[in-house]
Protein backbone atom coordinates (compact mmCIF):
# COMPACT_ATOMS: atom_id res chain seq x y z
CA MET A 1 117.45 78.08 40.85
CA SER A 2 113.82 77.17 40.01
CA GLU A 3 110.88 78.35 42.13
CA ARG A 4 110.20 74.74 43.09
CA SER A 5 113.74 73.99 44.24
CA LYS A 6 113.97 77.26 46.15
CA THR A 7 111.19 76.11 48.46
CA THR A 8 113.39 73.15 49.44
CA ARG A 9 114.82 75.46 52.14
CA LEU A 10 111.32 75.74 53.58
CA GLY A 11 110.93 71.96 53.41
CA HIS A 12 114.12 71.45 55.42
CA PHE A 13 112.90 73.96 58.02
CA ILE A 14 109.54 72.16 58.31
CA ARG A 15 111.31 68.81 58.72
CA ASP A 16 113.70 70.13 61.38
CA LEU A 17 110.99 71.95 63.36
CA SER A 18 108.75 68.85 63.20
CA ASN A 19 111.62 66.77 64.59
CA LEU A 20 112.12 69.30 67.39
CA LEU A 21 108.44 69.15 68.33
CA ASP A 22 108.52 65.35 68.20
CA ARG A 23 111.34 65.49 70.75
CA THR A 24 109.99 68.06 73.22
CA ALA A 25 106.96 70.08 74.30
CA ASP A 26 109.06 72.36 76.54
CA GLU A 27 108.37 75.90 75.28
CA ARG A 28 111.75 77.19 76.44
CA VAL A 29 113.53 74.55 74.35
CA ILE A 30 111.21 75.11 71.37
CA LEU A 31 111.84 78.87 71.41
CA SER A 32 115.60 78.51 71.90
CA GLU A 33 116.23 75.79 69.31
CA GLY A 34 113.48 77.00 66.98
CA LYS A 35 115.12 80.43 66.92
CA GLY A 36 118.28 78.87 65.51
CA LEU A 37 116.31 76.95 62.88
CA LEU A 38 114.48 80.12 61.79
CA GLU A 39 117.75 82.06 61.66
CA ASP A 40 119.09 79.41 59.27
CA LEU A 41 115.97 79.72 57.07
CA ILE A 42 116.00 83.51 56.79
CA MET A 43 119.77 83.66 56.27
CA ASN A 44 119.00 83.11 52.59
CA ASP A 45 116.48 85.29 50.78
CA ASP A 46 115.98 83.12 47.70
CA TRP A 47 113.26 80.67 48.70
CA LEU A 48 109.99 82.59 49.24
CA PRO A 49 107.80 82.31 46.09
CA ASP A 50 106.76 85.68 44.66
CA GLU A 51 103.05 85.06 45.18
CA PHE A 52 103.62 84.93 48.95
CA ALA A 53 105.65 88.15 48.97
CA LYS A 54 103.17 90.59 47.40
CA PRO A 55 102.07 93.60 49.45
CA HIS A 56 98.45 94.74 49.44
CA PRO A 57 97.99 98.49 48.86
CA LYS A 58 95.76 99.00 51.93
CA PHE A 59 96.66 96.45 54.61
CA TYR A 60 99.32 93.92 55.54
CA SER A 61 99.01 90.37 54.22
CA GLN A 62 99.35 87.10 56.12
CA TYR A 63 100.17 84.24 53.74
CA LEU A 64 100.07 80.69 55.09
CA LEU A 65 103.15 78.80 53.90
CA TYR A 66 102.61 75.58 55.87
CA CYS A 67 100.46 74.17 58.66
CA ASP A 68 101.47 71.04 60.54
CA PRO A 69 98.80 68.33 60.07
CA ALA A 70 98.37 68.11 63.87
CA ASP A 71 98.18 71.94 64.21
CA ARG A 72 101.37 71.94 66.29
CA PHE A 73 102.74 74.87 64.28
CA SER A 74 102.13 77.09 61.27
CA ILE A 75 104.50 79.14 59.12
CA VAL A 76 103.36 82.46 57.68
CA SER A 77 104.91 85.21 55.58
CA PHE A 78 103.81 88.65 56.73
CA VAL A 79 104.08 91.20 53.96
CA TRP A 80 103.98 94.83 55.03
CA GLY A 81 103.30 97.54 52.48
CA PRO A 82 104.84 100.97 53.04
CA GLY A 83 103.79 102.41 56.42
CA GLN A 84 101.43 99.54 57.30
CA LEU A 85 100.95 98.42 60.90
CA THR A 86 98.88 96.08 63.05
CA PRO A 87 96.59 97.01 65.90
CA ILE A 88 97.86 96.16 69.37
CA HIS A 89 97.27 92.41 69.62
CA ASP A 90 98.21 89.16 71.33
CA HIS A 91 98.92 85.63 70.07
CA THR A 92 97.98 83.25 72.96
CA VAL A 93 100.61 80.75 71.70
CA TRP A 94 104.40 80.77 71.31
CA GLY A 95 105.77 82.46 68.23
CA LEU A 96 109.02 83.21 66.42
CA ILE A 97 109.34 86.19 64.08
CA GLY A 98 112.23 86.29 61.62
CA MET A 99 112.97 89.30 59.42
CA LEU A 100 113.55 88.35 55.79
CA ARG A 101 113.42 91.71 53.91
CA GLY A 102 113.21 95.33 54.97
CA ALA A 103 112.63 95.97 58.68
CA GLU A 104 109.82 96.13 61.19
CA VAL A 105 109.30 97.86 64.52
CA SER A 106 107.63 95.99 67.39
CA THR A 107 106.26 97.94 70.35
CA ARG A 108 105.49 95.73 73.36
CA PHE A 109 102.67 96.58 75.75
CA GLU A 110 101.40 95.69 79.22
CA LEU A 111 97.71 95.55 80.01
CA GLY A 112 96.25 98.63 81.70
CA ALA A 113 94.14 101.70 81.12
CA PRO A 114 95.89 103.19 79.27
CA MET A 115 98.12 100.39 78.02
CA LYS A 116 101.78 101.01 78.77
CA SER A 117 104.60 100.56 76.24
CA VAL A 118 107.36 98.44 77.78
CA GLY A 119 109.86 98.46 74.94
CA VAL A 120 110.47 98.95 71.25
CA ASP A 121 112.51 96.59 69.08
CA ARG A 122 113.58 97.04 65.47
CA LEU A 123 114.07 93.83 63.52
CA GLU A 124 116.54 93.91 60.64
CA PRO A 125 117.09 91.08 58.13
CA GLY A 126 118.36 87.95 59.88
CA ALA A 127 117.01 88.95 63.32
CA VAL A 128 114.52 86.73 65.18
CA ASP A 129 112.13 87.85 67.93
CA MET A 130 110.00 85.70 70.25
CA VAL A 131 106.47 86.06 71.64
CA SER A 132 104.37 83.94 73.97
CA PRO A 133 102.27 84.43 77.08
CA SER A 134 105.35 83.42 79.11
CA VAL A 135 107.84 85.90 77.54
CA GLY A 136 105.55 88.76 76.50
CA ASP A 137 102.66 88.38 74.10
CA ILE A 138 101.12 91.80 73.44
CA HIS A 139 102.59 94.09 70.80
CA GLN A 140 101.99 96.32 67.81
CA VAL A 141 104.08 95.80 64.68
CA ALA A 142 104.80 98.30 61.91
CA ASN A 143 106.77 98.35 58.69
CA ALA A 144 109.84 100.44 59.47
CA PHE A 145 109.68 101.99 56.00
CA GLU A 146 107.25 104.44 54.43
CA ASP A 147 108.50 103.82 50.90
CA LYS A 148 108.98 100.06 50.49
CA ALA A 149 107.61 96.70 51.55
CA SER A 150 109.03 94.53 54.34
CA ILE A 151 108.59 90.78 54.83
CA SER A 152 108.88 88.72 58.00
CA ILE A 153 108.49 84.97 58.47
CA HIS A 154 106.40 83.96 61.49
CA VAL A 155 106.20 80.54 63.11
CA TYR A 156 103.46 79.94 65.68
CA GLY A 157 102.67 77.07 68.04
CA SER A 158 99.26 76.46 66.46
CA ASN A 159 97.36 77.09 63.23
CA ILE A 160 97.46 80.82 63.91
CA GLY A 161 94.86 81.73 61.29
CA THR A 162 92.24 79.79 63.27
CA VAL A 163 93.19 80.88 66.81
CA GLU A 164 90.88 83.26 68.69
CA ARG A 165 93.08 86.15 69.77
CA HIS A 166 92.59 89.74 70.93
CA VAL A 167 93.11 93.30 69.78
CA PHE A 168 93.39 96.03 72.39
CA ASP A 169 92.37 99.67 72.61
CA LYS A 170 95.47 101.59 73.71
CA ALA A 171 93.59 104.20 75.75
CA SER A 172 91.15 101.95 77.61
CA GLY A 173 92.82 98.55 77.47
CA GLU A 174 89.54 97.11 76.23
CA GLN A 175 90.00 93.89 74.29
CA LYS A 176 88.04 92.43 71.39
CA SER A 177 88.32 88.91 70.04
CA PHE A 178 89.35 88.20 66.45
CA VAL A 179 90.45 85.33 64.22
CA SER A 180 92.95 86.44 61.59
CA GLY A 181 92.52 83.92 58.78
CA TYR A 182 94.94 84.03 55.84
CA SER A 183 95.40 86.10 52.69
CA ASN A 184 95.98 83.14 50.35
CA SER A 185 93.96 80.20 49.10
CA THR A 186 96.90 78.09 47.82
CA LEU A 187 100.11 76.84 49.43
CA PRO A 188 103.68 76.51 48.17
CA ASN A 189 105.14 73.03 47.60
CA PRO A 190 108.09 72.76 50.02
CA TRP A 191 108.85 69.09 49.37
CA SER A 192 110.96 69.14 46.19
CA GLY A 193 114.24 67.44 47.04
CA VAL A 194 113.53 67.10 50.78
CA ASN A 195 113.96 63.83 52.65
CA ILE A 196 111.22 64.13 55.28
CA GLY A 197 112.22 61.01 57.19
């Protein structure tokens, strides 16, 4: 299968999620039905172009795969090098996280001084997790492996690279604002062979 035709899976996901968001703005429905759509996408590990799957030797990479023209959602591949992890952070919008390759560990936190861990989840390939201010939005994520890369596909209810969010100091609970941006300057073409109507 060619690189171009592989991204057709991504095109179908974009079309189906766009149709869902055309139909409803109810976050509970978006998270529930969107979870099934993301599970279908990550069921196959043959569609992500190599240039959006490369780990950086020092820090994790966030590659934009698609952003809805109305900023209703964005799709990102997170590529974790061995042992890499995020700071404790929030999202401020709904999000779906689907594990494509490897595994990651998500530690959820509640605000406080110090911040309290309220659970740890390990995502294996095919698993999908949810975040939002309504279901729990503060966590720290780490590659579960010290000797290989892991890749997860994230879908957010905004153009996440432009959203002002927060990182948190675990001991004090102090928060600082940040805007993540993206690691790439080009986008894949997901439209080969996709009827977007």
